[in-house]
C-alpha atoms as a PDB file:
ATOM      1  CA  MET A   1      55.537  17.612  11.748  1.00  0.00           C
ATOM      2  CA  MET A   2      53.404  14.510  12.223  1.00  0.00           C
ATOM      3  CA  GLY A   3      49.638  14.637  11.682  1.00  0.00           C
ATOM      4  CA  ASN A   4      48.682  14.544  15.368  1.00  0.00           C
ATOM      5  CA  ALA A   5      45.046  13.759  16.182  1.00  0.00           C
ATOM      6  CA  ALA A   6      44.632  14.643  19.873  1.00  0.00           C
ATOM      7  CA  GLU A   7      41.931  17.238  20.530  1.00  0.00           C
ATOM      8  CA  GLY A   8      41.449  19.787  23.280  1.00  0.00           C
ATOM      9  CA  MET A   9      39.331  22.813  24.108  1.00  0.00           C
ATOM     10  CA  VAL A  10      41.111  26.085  23.301  1.00  0.00           C
ATOM     11  CA  PHE A  11      39.660  29.536  23.917  1.00  0.00           C
ATOM     12  CA  ASN A  12      42.417  31.793  22.609  1.00  0.00           C
ATOM     13  CA  ILE A  13      45.788  31.750  20.865  1.00  0.00           C
ATOM     14  CA  MET A  14      47.669  35.002  21.454  1.00  0.00           C
ATOM     15  CA  ARG A  15      50.658  35.719  19.244  1.00  0.00           C
ATOM     16  CA  PHE A  16      53.488  38.140  20.081  1.00  0.00           C
ATOM     17  CA  SER A  17      53.006  37.841  23.849  1.00  0.00           C
ATOM     18  CA  VAL A  18      55.801  39.350  25.974  1.00  0.00           C
ATOM     19  CA  SER A  19      54.381  38.710  29.448  1.00  0.00           C
ATOM     20  CA  ASP A  20      54.140  34.906  29.611  1.00  0.00           C
ATOM     21  CA  GLY A  21      57.781  33.933  29.784  1.00  0.00           C
ATOM     22  CA  PRO A  22      61.042  35.038  28.131  1.00  0.00           C
ATOM     23  CA  GLY A  23      61.196  36.612  24.692  1.00  0.00           C
ATOM     24  CA  ILE A  24      58.414  36.838  22.141  1.00  0.00           C
ATOM     25  CA  ARG A  25      55.947  34.005  22.638  1.00  0.00           C
ATOM     26  CA  THR A  26      52.698  32.517  21.478  1.00  0.00           C
ATOM     27  CA  THR A  27      50.369  31.809  24.388  1.00  0.00           C
ATOM     28  CA  VAL A  28      47.818  29.035  23.932  1.00  0.00           C
ATOM     29  CA  PHE A  29      44.914  29.269  26.377  1.00  0.00           C
ATOM     30  CA  LEU A  30      43.220  25.961  27.232  1.00  0.00           C
ATOM     31  CA  LYS A  31      39.674  26.083  28.591  1.00  0.00           C
ATOM     32  CA  GLY A  32      38.631  24.716  31.980  1.00  0.00           C
ATOM     33  CA  CYS A  33      39.828  25.412  35.529  1.00  0.00           C
ATOM     34  CA  PRO A  34      39.197  23.678  38.877  1.00  0.00           C
ATOM     35  CA  LEU A  35      39.634  26.986  40.732  1.00  0.00           C
ATOM     36  CA  HIS A  36      36.953  29.674  40.854  1.00  0.00           C
ATOM     37  CA  CYS A  37      38.906  32.767  41.864  1.00  0.00           C
ATOM     38  CA  VAL A  38      36.430  35.560  42.565  1.00  0.00           C
ATOM     39  CA  TRP A  39      38.788  38.077  40.911  1.00  0.00           C
ATOM     40  CA  CYS A  40      39.450  35.972  37.785  1.00  0.00           C
ATOM     41  CA  HIS A  41      40.319  38.190  34.817  1.00  0.00           C
ATOM     42  CA  ASN A  42      39.531  35.379  32.353  1.00  0.00           C
ATOM     43  CA  PRO A  43      36.185  34.020  33.646  1.00  0.00           C
ATOM     44  CA  GLU A  44      35.558  32.554  30.197  1.00  0.00           C
ATOM     45  CA  SER A  45      38.396  30.126  30.984  1.00  0.00           C
ATOM     46  CA  ILE A  46      36.693  28.396  33.931  1.00  0.00           C
ATOM     47  CA  ASP A  47      33.982  26.315  32.250  1.00  0.00           C
ATOM     48  CA  ARG A  48      35.327  23.455  30.124  1.00  0.00           C
ATOM     49  CA  ASP A  49      32.528  23.779  27.544  1.00  0.00           C
ATOM     50  CA  PRO A  50      32.122  26.448  24.841  1.00  0.00           C
ATOM     51  CA  GLU A  51      30.208  29.565  25.904  1.00  0.00           C
ATOM     52  CA  ILE A  52      28.619  32.483  24.116  1.00  0.00           C
ATOM     53  CA  LEU A  53      29.898  35.930  25.026  1.00  0.00           C
ATOM     54  CA  ILE A  54      27.463  38.785  24.283  1.00  0.00           C
ATOM     55  CA  ARG A  55      28.449  42.427  23.828  1.00  0.00           C
ATOM     56  CA  GLN A  56      25.164  44.251  24.374  1.00  0.00           C
ATOM     57  CA  GLU A  57      26.753  47.565  23.402  1.00  0.00           C
ATOM     58  CA  ARG A  58      27.123  46.278  19.827  1.00  0.00           C
ATOM     59  CA  CYS A  59      23.577  44.908  19.519  1.00  0.00           C
ATOM     60  CA  ILE A  60      21.440  46.740  16.928  1.00  0.00           C
ATOM     61  CA  ARG A  61      18.165  45.120  18.157  1.00  0.00           C
ATOM     62  CA  CYS A  62      17.404  43.520  14.798  1.00  0.00           C
ATOM     63  CA  GLY A  63      16.114  40.278  16.354  1.00  0.00           C
ATOM     64  CA  SER A  64      17.911  37.973  13.930  1.00  0.00           C
ATOM     65  CA  CYS A  65      19.495  36.041  16.795  1.00  0.00           C
ATOM     66  CA  ALA A  66      16.083  35.276  18.313  1.00  0.00           C
ATOM     67  CA  GLU A  67      14.662  34.189  14.964  1.00  0.00           C
ATOM     68  CA  ASP A  68      17.533  31.751  14.400  1.00  0.00           C
ATOM     69  CA  CYS A  69      17.586  30.263  17.927  1.00  0.00           C
ATOM     70  CA  GLU A  70      16.084  26.767  17.695  1.00  0.00           C
ATOM     71  CA  GLU A  71      16.053  26.468  21.495  1.00  0.00           C
ATOM     72  CA  HIS A  72      13.969  29.672  21.879  1.00  0.00           C
ATOM     73  CA  ALA A  73      16.557  30.851  24.384  1.00  0.00           C
ATOM     74  CA  ILE A  74      16.606  34.469  23.141  1.00  0.00           C
ATOM     75  CA  VAL A  75      13.659  36.768  23.857  1.00  0.00           C
ATOM     76  CA  ARG A  76      13.083  40.503  23.679  1.00  0.00           C
ATOM     77  CA  VAL A  77      12.848  42.174  27.093  1.00  0.00           C
ATOM     78  CA  GLY A  78      12.151  45.881  26.831  1.00  0.00           C
ATOM     79  CA  ASP A  79      14.613  47.406  24.407  1.00  0.00           C
ATOM     80  CA  ARG A  80      17.117  44.532  24.399  1.00  0.00           C
ATOM     81  CA  TYR A  81      17.367  40.818  23.665  1.00  0.00           C
ATOM     82  CA  GLU A  82      18.101  38.556  26.611  1.00  0.00           C
ATOM     83  CA  THR A  83      19.535  35.043  26.439  1.00  0.00           C
ATOM     84  CA  ASP A  84      18.327  32.319  28.817  1.00  0.00           C
ATOM     85  CA  ARG A  85      21.607  30.570  29.582  1.00  0.00           C
ATOM     86  CA  ASP A  86      19.761  27.532  30.931  1.00  0.00           C
ATOM     87  CA  LEU A  87      18.128  26.972  27.548  1.00  0.00           C
ATOM     88  CA  CYS A  88      21.132  27.945  25.418  1.00  0.00           C
ATOM     89  CA  VAL A  89      23.155  24.996  24.092  1.00  0.00           C
ATOM     90  CA  ALA A  90      25.895  27.186  22.558  1.00  0.00           C
ATOM     91  CA  CYS A  91      25.197  25.879  19.063  1.00  0.00           C
ATOM     92  CA  GLY A  92      26.430  29.120  17.497  1.00  0.00           C
ATOM     93  CA  GLY A  93      23.386  29.776  15.330  1.00  0.00           C
ATOM     94  CA  CYS A  94      22.818  33.202  16.870  1.00  0.00           C
ATOM     95  CA  ILE A  95      26.441  34.120  16.187  1.00  0.00           C
ATOM     96  CA  ASP A  96      26.085  33.375  12.484  1.00  0.00           C
ATOM     97  CA  ALA A  97      22.860  35.406  12.409  1.00  0.00           C
ATOM     98  CA  CYS A  98      24.290  38.488  14.132  1.00  0.00           C
ATOM     99  CA  ALA A  99      25.323  41.110  11.579  1.00  0.00           C
ATOM    100  CA  ALA A 100      26.698  43.394  14.300  1.00  0.00           C
ATOM    101  CA  ASP A 101      29.246  40.869  15.660  1.00  0.00           C
ATOM    102  CA  ALA A 102      27.708  41.263  19.097  1.00  0.00           C
ATOM    103  CA  ARG A 103      28.000  37.541  19.846  1.00  0.00           C
ATOM    104  CA  GLU A 104      31.134  35.439  20.065  1.00  0.00           C
ATOM    105  CA  MET A 105      31.796  31.767  20.729  1.00  0.00           C
ATOM    106  CA  VAL A 106      34.411  31.282  23.438  1.00  0.00           C
ATOM    107  CA  GLY A 107      36.060  27.888  23.173  1.00  0.00           C
ATOM    108  CA  ARG A 108      36.511  25.487  20.280  1.00  0.00           C
ATOM    109  CA  LYS A 109      37.920  22.029  19.830  1.00  0.00           C
ATOM    110  CA  MET A 110      41.285  22.024  18.120  1.00  0.00           C
ATOM    111  CA  ARG A 111      43.665  19.260  17.119  1.00  0.00           C
ATOM    112  CA  THR A 112      47.317  19.384  18.065  1.00  0.00           C
ATOM    113  CA  ASP A 113      48.351  19.954  14.457  1.00  0.00           C
ATOM    114  CA  GLU A 114      45.909  22.880  14.160  1.00  0.00           C
ATOM    115  CA  VAL A 115      47.371  24.558  17.240  1.00  0.00           C
ATOM    116  CA  MET A 116      50.924  23.940  16.046  1.00  0.00           C
ATOM    117  CA  GLU A 117      50.142  25.441  12.656  1.00  0.00           C
ATOM    118  CA  ASP A 118      49.460  28.746  14.442  1.00  0.00           C
ATOM    119  CA  VAL A 119      52.434  28.352  16.780  1.00  0.00           C
ATOM    120  CA  LEU A 120      55.002  27.664  14.069  1.00  0.00           C
ATOM    121  CA  ARG A 121      54.141  30.800  12.100  1.00  0.00           C
ATOM    122  CA  ASP A 122      56.351  32.816  14.435  1.00  0.00           C
ATOM    123  CA  ARG A 123      59.308  30.475  14.827  1.00  0.00           C
ATOM    124  CA  LEU A 124      61.674  33.169  13.533  1.00  0.00           C
ATOM    125  CA  PHE A 125      60.591  35.571  16.295  1.00  0.00           C
ATOM    126  CA  TYR A 126      61.107  32.894  18.951  1.00  0.00           C
ATOM    127  CA  GLU A 127      64.608  32.177  17.695  1.00  0.00           C
ATOM    128  CA  ARG A 128      65.641  35.832  17.533  1.00  0.00           C
ATOM    129  CA  SER A 129      64.181  36.822  20.913  1.00  0.00           C
ATOM    130  CA  GLY A 130      64.788  33.684  22.980  1.00  0.00           C
ATOM    131  CA  GLY A 131      61.034  33.113  23.124  1.00  0.00           C
ATOM    132  CA  GLY A 132      58.782  30.154  22.557  1.00  0.00           C
ATOM    133  CA  VAL A 133      55.362  28.789  23.436  1.00  0.00           C
ATOM    134  CA  THR A 134      53.403  29.147  26.676  1.00  0.00           C
ATOM    135  CA  PHE A 135      50.386  27.014  27.563  1.00  0.00           C
ATOM    136  CA  SER A 136      48.002  28.775  29.898  1.00  0.00           C
ATOM    137  CA  GLY A 137      44.332  28.695  30.823  1.00  0.00           C
ATOM    138  CA  GLY A 138      42.214  28.168  32.710  1.00  0.00           C
ATOM    139  CA  GLU A 139      44.339  25.367  34.034  1.00  0.00           C
ATOM    140  CA  PRO A 140      46.208  23.623  31.190  1.00  0.00           C
ATOM    141  CA  LEU A 141      46.977  20.556  33.325  1.00  0.00           C
ATOM    142  CA  LEU A 142      43.235  19.835  33.393  1.00  0.00           C
ATOM    143  CA  GLN A 143      43.690  18.728  29.758  1.00  0.00           C
ATOM    144  CA  HIS A 144      46.973  16.983  30.467  1.00  0.00           C
ATOM    145  CA  GLU A 145      46.841  14.451  27.602  1.00  0.00           C
ATOM    146  CA  PHE A 146      46.273  17.201  25.033  1.00  0.00           C
ATOM    147  CA  LEU A 147      48.907  19.343  26.762  1.00  0.00           C
ATOM    148  CA  ARG A 148      51.420  16.478  26.740  1.00  0.00           C
ATOM    149  CA  GLU A 149      51.042  16.025  22.994  1.00  0.00           C
ATOM    150  CA  LEU A 150      51.380  19.754  22.371  1.00  0.00           C
ATOM    151  CA  LEU A 151      54.520  19.924  24.513  1.00  0.00           C
ATOM    152  CA  THR A 152      55.967  16.821  22.860  1.00  0.00           C
ATOM    153  CA  THR A 153      55.445  18.353  19.417  1.00  0.00           C
ATOM    154  CA  CYS A 154      56.994  21.638  20.558  1.00  0.00           C
ATOM    155  CA  LYS A 155      60.089  19.808  21.793  1.00  0.00           C
ATOM    156  CA  GLN A 156      60.323  17.932  18.475  1.00  0.00           C
ATOM    157  CA  GLU A 157      60.295  21.329  16.760  1.00  0.00           C
ATOM    158  CA  GLY A 158      62.996  22.675  19.085  1.00  0.00           C
ATOM    159  CA  LEU A 159      60.747  25.266  20.755  1.00  0.00           C
ATOM    160  CA  HIS A 160      61.130  26.584  24.304  1.00  0.00           C
ATOM    161  CA  THR A 161      58.088  25.562  26.363  1.00  0.00           C
ATOM    162  CA  ALA A 162      56.416  27.176  29.358  1.00  0.00           C
ATOM    163  CA  VAL A 163      53.338  26.126  31.323  1.00  0.00           C
ATOM    164  CA  ASP A 164      51.328  28.662  33.317  1.00  0.00           C
ATOM    165  CA  THR A 165      49.640  26.625  36.046  1.00  0.00           C
ATOM    166  CA  THR A 166      47.873  26.800  39.405  1.00  0.00           C
ATOM    167  CA  GLY A 167      49.536  23.508  40.301  1.00  0.00           C
ATOM    168  CA  PHE A 168      46.189  21.944  41.195  1.00  0.00           C
ATOM    169  CA  THR A 169      46.796  18.461  39.803  1.00  0.00           C
ATOM    170  CA  THR A 170      48.102  15.035  40.756  1.00  0.00           C
ATOM    171  CA  PRO A 171      51.838  14.463  41.323  1.00  0.00           C
ATOM    172  CA  ALA A 172      51.848  11.912  38.473  1.00  0.00           C
ATOM    173  CA  ILE A 173      50.444  14.387  35.948  1.00  0.00           C
ATOM    174  CA  LEU A 174      52.802  17.113  37.163  1.00  0.00           C
ATOM    175  CA  GLN A 175      55.832  14.845  36.772  1.00  0.00           C
ATOM    176  CA  ASP A 176      54.711  13.752  33.320  1.00  0.00           C
ATOM    177  CA  ILE A 177      54.340  17.358  32.151  1.00  0.00           C
ATOM    178  CA  ALA A 178      57.512  18.550  33.924  1.00  0.00           C
ATOM    179  CA  ALA A 179      59.630  16.279  31.739  1.00  0.00           C
ATOM    180  CA  LEU A 180      58.540  18.307  28.681  1.00  0.00           C
ATOM    181  CA  THR A 181      58.466  21.800  30.198  1.00  0.00           C
ATOM    182  CA  ASP A 182      61.379  24.253  30.177  1.00  0.00           C
ATOM    183  CA  LEU A 183      59.710  26.755  32.519  1.00  0.00           C
ATOM    184  CA  PHE A 184      56.776  26.751  34.919  1.00  0.00           C
ATOM    185  CA  LEU A 185      54.925  29.990  35.644  1.00  0.00           C
ATOM    186  CA  TYR A 186      53.401  28.946  38.952  1.00  0.00           C
ATOM    187  CA  ASP A 187      50.403  30.919  40.210  1.00  0.00           C
ATOM    188  CA  LEU A 188      50.349  31.184  43.992  1.00  0.00           C
ATOM    189  CA  LYS A 189      47.243  32.966  45.239  1.00  0.00           C
ATOM    190  CA  SER A 190      47.883  32.665  48.992  1.00  0.00           C
ATOM    191  CA  VAL A 191      49.835  30.426  51.365  1.00  0.00           C
ATOM    192  CA  ASP A 192      47.018  30.798  53.910  1.00  0.00           C
ATOM    193  CA  ASP A 193      44.671  27.861  53.337  1.00  0.00           C
ATOM    194  CA  GLY A 194      41.633  29.659  54.784  1.00  0.00           C
ATOM    195  CA  ILE A 195      42.067  32.667  52.497  1.00  0.00           C
ATOM    196  CA  HIS A 196      42.799  30.427  49.518  1.00  0.00           C
ATOM    197  CA  THR A 197      39.711  28.285  50.067  1.00  0.00           C
ATOM    198  CA  ARG A 198      37.463  31.293  50.639  1.00  0.00           C
ATOM    199  CA  PHE A 199      38.446  33.130  47.477  1.00  0.00           C
ATOM    200  CA  THR A 200      39.240  30.280  45.038  1.00  0.00           C
ATOM    201  CA  GLY A 201      36.912  27.499  46.179  1.00  0.00           C
ATOM    202  CA  VAL A 202      39.714  24.968  46.778  1.00  0.00           C
ATOM    203  CA  SER A 203      42.347  24.277  49.422  1.00  0.00           C
ATOM    204  CA  ASN A 204      45.955  25.188  48.625  1.00  0.00           C
ATOM    205  CA  GLU A 205      47.335  21.946  50.128  1.00  0.00           C
ATOM    206  CA  ILE A 206      47.874  20.266  46.737  1.00  0.00           C
ATOM    207  CA  ILE A 207      49.171  23.495  45.207  1.00  0.00           C
ATOM    208  CA  LEU A 208      51.843  24.051  47.852  1.00  0.00           C
ATOM    209  CA  ALA A 209      52.859  20.377  47.822  1.00  0.00           C
ATOM    210  CA  ASN A 210      53.287  20.411  44.042  1.00  0.00           C
ATOM    211  CA  LEU A 211      55.356  23.585  44.172  1.00  0.00           C
ATOM    212  CA  ARG A 212      57.645  21.848  46.657  1.00  0.00           C
ATOM    213  CA  ARG A 213      57.884  18.883  44.277  1.00  0.00           C
ATOM    214  CA  LEU A 214      58.928  21.078  41.362  1.00  0.00           C
ATOM    215  CA  ALA A 215      61.603  22.659  43.547  1.00  0.00           C
ATOM    216  CA  GLU A 216      62.846  19.209  44.610  1.00  0.00           C
ATOM    217  CA  TRP A 217      62.991  18.131  40.952  1.00  0.00           C
ATOM    218  CA  ASN A 218      65.033  21.277  40.260  1.00  0.00           C
ATOM    219  CA  ALA A 219      62.515  22.422  37.667  1.00  0.00           C
ATOM    220  CA  SER A 220      62.772  25.978  36.383  1.00  0.00           C
ATOM    221  CA  VAL A 221      60.001  27.903  38.155  1.00  0.00           C
ATOM    222  CA  ILE A 222      58.888  31.512  38.371  1.00  0.00           C
ATOM    223  CA  VAL A 223      56.266  32.030  41.074  1.00  0.00           C
ATOM    224  CA  ARG A 224      53.573  34.564  40.215  1.00  0.00           C
ATOM    225  CA  ILE A 225      51.318  36.107  42.871  1.00  0.00           C
ATOM    226  CA  PRO A 226      48.202  38.035  41.809  1.00  0.00           C
ATOM    227  CA  ILE A 227      48.004  41.019  44.155  1.00  0.00           C
ATOM    228  CA  VAL A 228      44.363  41.548  45.103  1.00  0.00           C
ATOM    229  CA  PRO A 229      43.674  44.336  47.627  1.00  0.00           C
ATOM    230  CA  GLY A 230      41.870  43.062  50.694  1.00  0.00           C
ATOM    231  CA  VAL A 231      42.804  39.450  49.962  1.00  0.00           C
ATOM    232  CA  ASN A 232      46.585  38.957  49.957  1.00  0.00           C
ATOM    233  CA  ASP A 233      48.219  42.404  49.868  1.00  0.00           C
ATOM    234  CA  ASP A 234      48.822  42.932  53.588  1.00  0.00           C
ATOM    235  CA  ALA A 235      52.321  42.702  55.041  1.00  0.00           C
ATOM    236  CA  GLY A 236      51.584  39.456  56.881  1.00  0.00           C
ATOM    237  CA  SER A 237      50.311  37.646  53.785  1.00  0.00           C
ATOM    238  CA  ILE A 238      53.235  38.867  51.715  1.00  0.00           C
ATOM    239  CA  THR A 239      55.959  37.958  54.212  1.00  0.00           C
ATOM    240  CA  ASN A 240      54.402  34.515  54.735  1.00  0.00           C
ATOM    241  CA  ALA A 241      54.474  33.978  50.978  1.00  0.00           C
ATOM    242  CA  GLY A 242      58.073  35.192  50.813  1.00  0.00           C
ATOM    243  CA  ALA A 243      59.151  32.866  53.619  1.00  0.00           C
ATOM    244  CA  PHE A 244      57.497  29.886  51.926  1.00  0.00           C
ATOM    245  CA  ILE A 245      59.171  30.599  48.591  1.00  0.00           C
ATOM    246  CA  ALA A 246      62.531  31.095  50.337  1.00  0.00           C
ATOM    247  CA  SER A 247      62.179  27.625  51.868  1.00  0.00           C
ATOM    248  CA  LEU A 248      62.101  26.078  48.395  1.00  0.00           C
ATOM    249  CA  LYS A 249      65.792  26.927  47.811  1.00  0.00           C
ATOM    250  CA  THR A 250      65.761  26.373  44.022  1.00  0.00           C
ATOM    251  CA  VAL A 251      63.060  28.999  43.268  1.00  0.00           C
ATOM    252  CA  LYS A 252      64.772  32.356  42.797  1.00  0.00           C
ATOM    253  CA  GLU A 253      62.275  34.519  40.916  1.00  0.00           C
ATOM    254  CA  LEU A 254      58.901  35.994  41.876  1.00  0.00           C
ATOM    255  CA  HIS A 255      56.531  38.182  39.874  1.00  0.00           C
ATOM    256  CA  LEU A 256      53.694  40.239  41.343  1.00  0.00           C
ATOM    257  CA  LEU A 257      50.678  40.546  39.057  1.00  0.00           C
ATOM    258  CA  PRO A 258      48.451  43.486  40.034  1.00  0.00           C
ATOM    259  CA  TYR A 259      44.721  42.808  39.888  1.00  0.00           C
ATOM    260  CA  HIS A 260      42.855  44.496  37.042  1.00  0.00           C
ATOM    261  CA  ARG A 261      39.155  44.733  36.308  1.00  0.00           C
ATOM    262  CA  THR A 262      38.885  43.249  32.808  1.00  0.00           C
ATOM    263  CA  GLY A 263      37.093  40.194  34.186  1.00  0.00           C
ATOM    264  CA  VAL A 264      34.166  42.280  35.469  1.00  0.00           C
ATOM    265  CA  ALA A 265      32.909  43.164  31.977  1.00  0.00           C
ATOM    266  CA  LYS A 266      33.514  39.602  30.779  1.00  0.00           C
ATOM    267  CA  LEU A 267      31.300  38.202  33.554  1.00  0.00           C
ATOM    268  CA  GLU A 268      28.455  40.411  32.409  1.00  0.00           C
ATOM    269  CA  ARG A 269      28.972  39.383  28.782  1.00  0.00           C
ATOM    270  CA  LEU A 270      28.854  35.727  29.842  1.00  0.00           C
ATOM    271  CA  GLY A 271      25.649  36.294  31.798  1.00  0.00           C
ATOM    272  CA  LYS A 272      27.357  35.487  35.081  1.00  0.00           C
ATOM    273  CA  ASN A 273      27.675  37.152  38.447  1.00  0.00           C
ATOM    274  CA  ASN A 274      30.143  35.665  40.899  1.00  0.00           C
ATOM    275  CA  GLY A 275      28.610  37.581  43.817  1.00  0.00           C
ATOM    276  CA  GLY A 276      32.073  38.438  45.060  1.00  0.00           C
ATOM    277  CA  PRO A 277      33.454  41.720  46.377  1.00  0.00           C
ATOM    278  CA  ASP A 278      34.133  44.622  44.041  1.00  0.00           C
ATOM    279  CA  PHE A 279      37.922  44.706  44.056  1.00  0.00           C
ATOM    280  CA  LEU A 280      40.022  47.699  43.059  1.00  0.00           C
ATOM    281  CA  PRO A 281      43.478  47.533  41.462  1.00  0.00           C
ATOM    282  CA  PRO A 282      46.424  48.107  43.841  1.00  0.00           C
ATOM    283  CA  ASP A 283      48.303  51.391  43.603  1.00  0.00           C
ATOM    284  CA  TRP A 284      51.933  51.444  42.481  1.00  0.00           C
ATOM    285  CA  GLU A 285      53.305  52.848  45.719  1.00  0.00           C
ATOM    286  CA  HIS A 286      51.873  49.893  47.621  1.00  0.00           C
ATOM    287  CA  LEU A 287      53.178  47.438  45.019  1.00  0.00           C
ATOM    288  CA  ASN A 288      56.674  48.874  45.405  1.00  0.00           C
ATOM    289  CA  GLU A 289      56.418  48.410  49.177  1.00  0.00           C
ATOM    290  CA  LEU A 290      55.489  44.758  48.662  1.00  0.00           C
ATOM    291  CA  VAL A 291      58.421  44.282  46.296  1.00  0.00           C
ATOM    292  CA  GLU A 292      60.817  45.604  48.947  1.00  0.00           C
ATOM    293  CA  LEU A 293      59.319  43.259  51.577  1.00  0.00           C
ATOM    294  CA  LEU A 294      59.709  40.254  49.304  1.00  0.00           C
ATOM    295  CA  ARG A 295      63.302  41.054  48.370  1.00  0.00           C
ATOM    296  CA  GLU A 296      64.219  40.033  51.907  1.00  0.00           C
ATOM    297  CA  TYR A 297      63.222  36.484  50.931  1.00  0.00           C
ATOM    298  CA  VAL A 298      63.509  36.062  47.156  1.00  0.00           C
ATOM    299  CA  GLU A 299      66.484  36.903  44.945  1.00  0.00           C
ATOM    300  CA  THR A 300      64.559  38.446  42.043  1.00  0.00           C
ATOM    301  CA  VAL A 301      61.206  40.224  42.512  1.00  0.00           C
ATOM    302  CA  CYS A 302      59.386  42.359  39.956  1.00  0.00           C
ATOM    303  CA  VAL A 303      55.919  43.635  39.050  1.00  0.00           C
ATOM    304  CA  GLY A 304      54.403  42.081  35.920  1.00  0.00           C
ATOM    305  CA  GLY A 305      55.946  39.505  33.639  1.00  0.00           C
END
């Protein structure tokens, strides 16, 4: 493998993933996303810059973090230490000082060769299971030059590639990345532009247009819909989504991803509050009803994956 020098912002590399494409995979999560979904389960993926995640339940109140903070961003308030996020520059000094591992840096610059070193450790598992590498986020296409080099290196190594994307990018970038991608996992929040804009902060016009383009290019695509009660789980929203996917002709598989609440705790640990509604996960009976509705439009429909 060549000594590649491109750098990008990565916030997690998850080995032995079985839910981000076929077989056993390594999923590389790139930081930064143009959408701000109010139900996001990875809110640490939205901001492009590194952030400090704080687990107050681990804090032993020793004060070492405050003593080591050159920006004076950490002060004692009552029986706990609070971090002023406006003053914090995410230098990591407080993390090194914390003996209780209550603080964690989310996001670090990595070179292509560093990422690939992790990826190639499990080549044998990819080969035996029909797996490979998935690039997710955030929105990986936001770092398209870094992503292109990663995908190029994966293809040189003979690895199956998947990209988990919102599709919110330019047609030129999408076409460039499509040439190196074996499978797109395409996140479709809602086909209703008003609902999409309200809950994600952006219109779905580009997203729908790019999904049509992938279908026209005969790219391999699995559409994934996050099912969020009160947002897109009613019969009308689901049948509209099914009809749109059916119109694409070459897209034959759809996965429903039930909302879960892991993002709520992460928001608190990041010192954020999105001010959105308090969603609850959908129940399985309702999910099964949605699956049956969608099977009228799409050949293969399942929950998860």
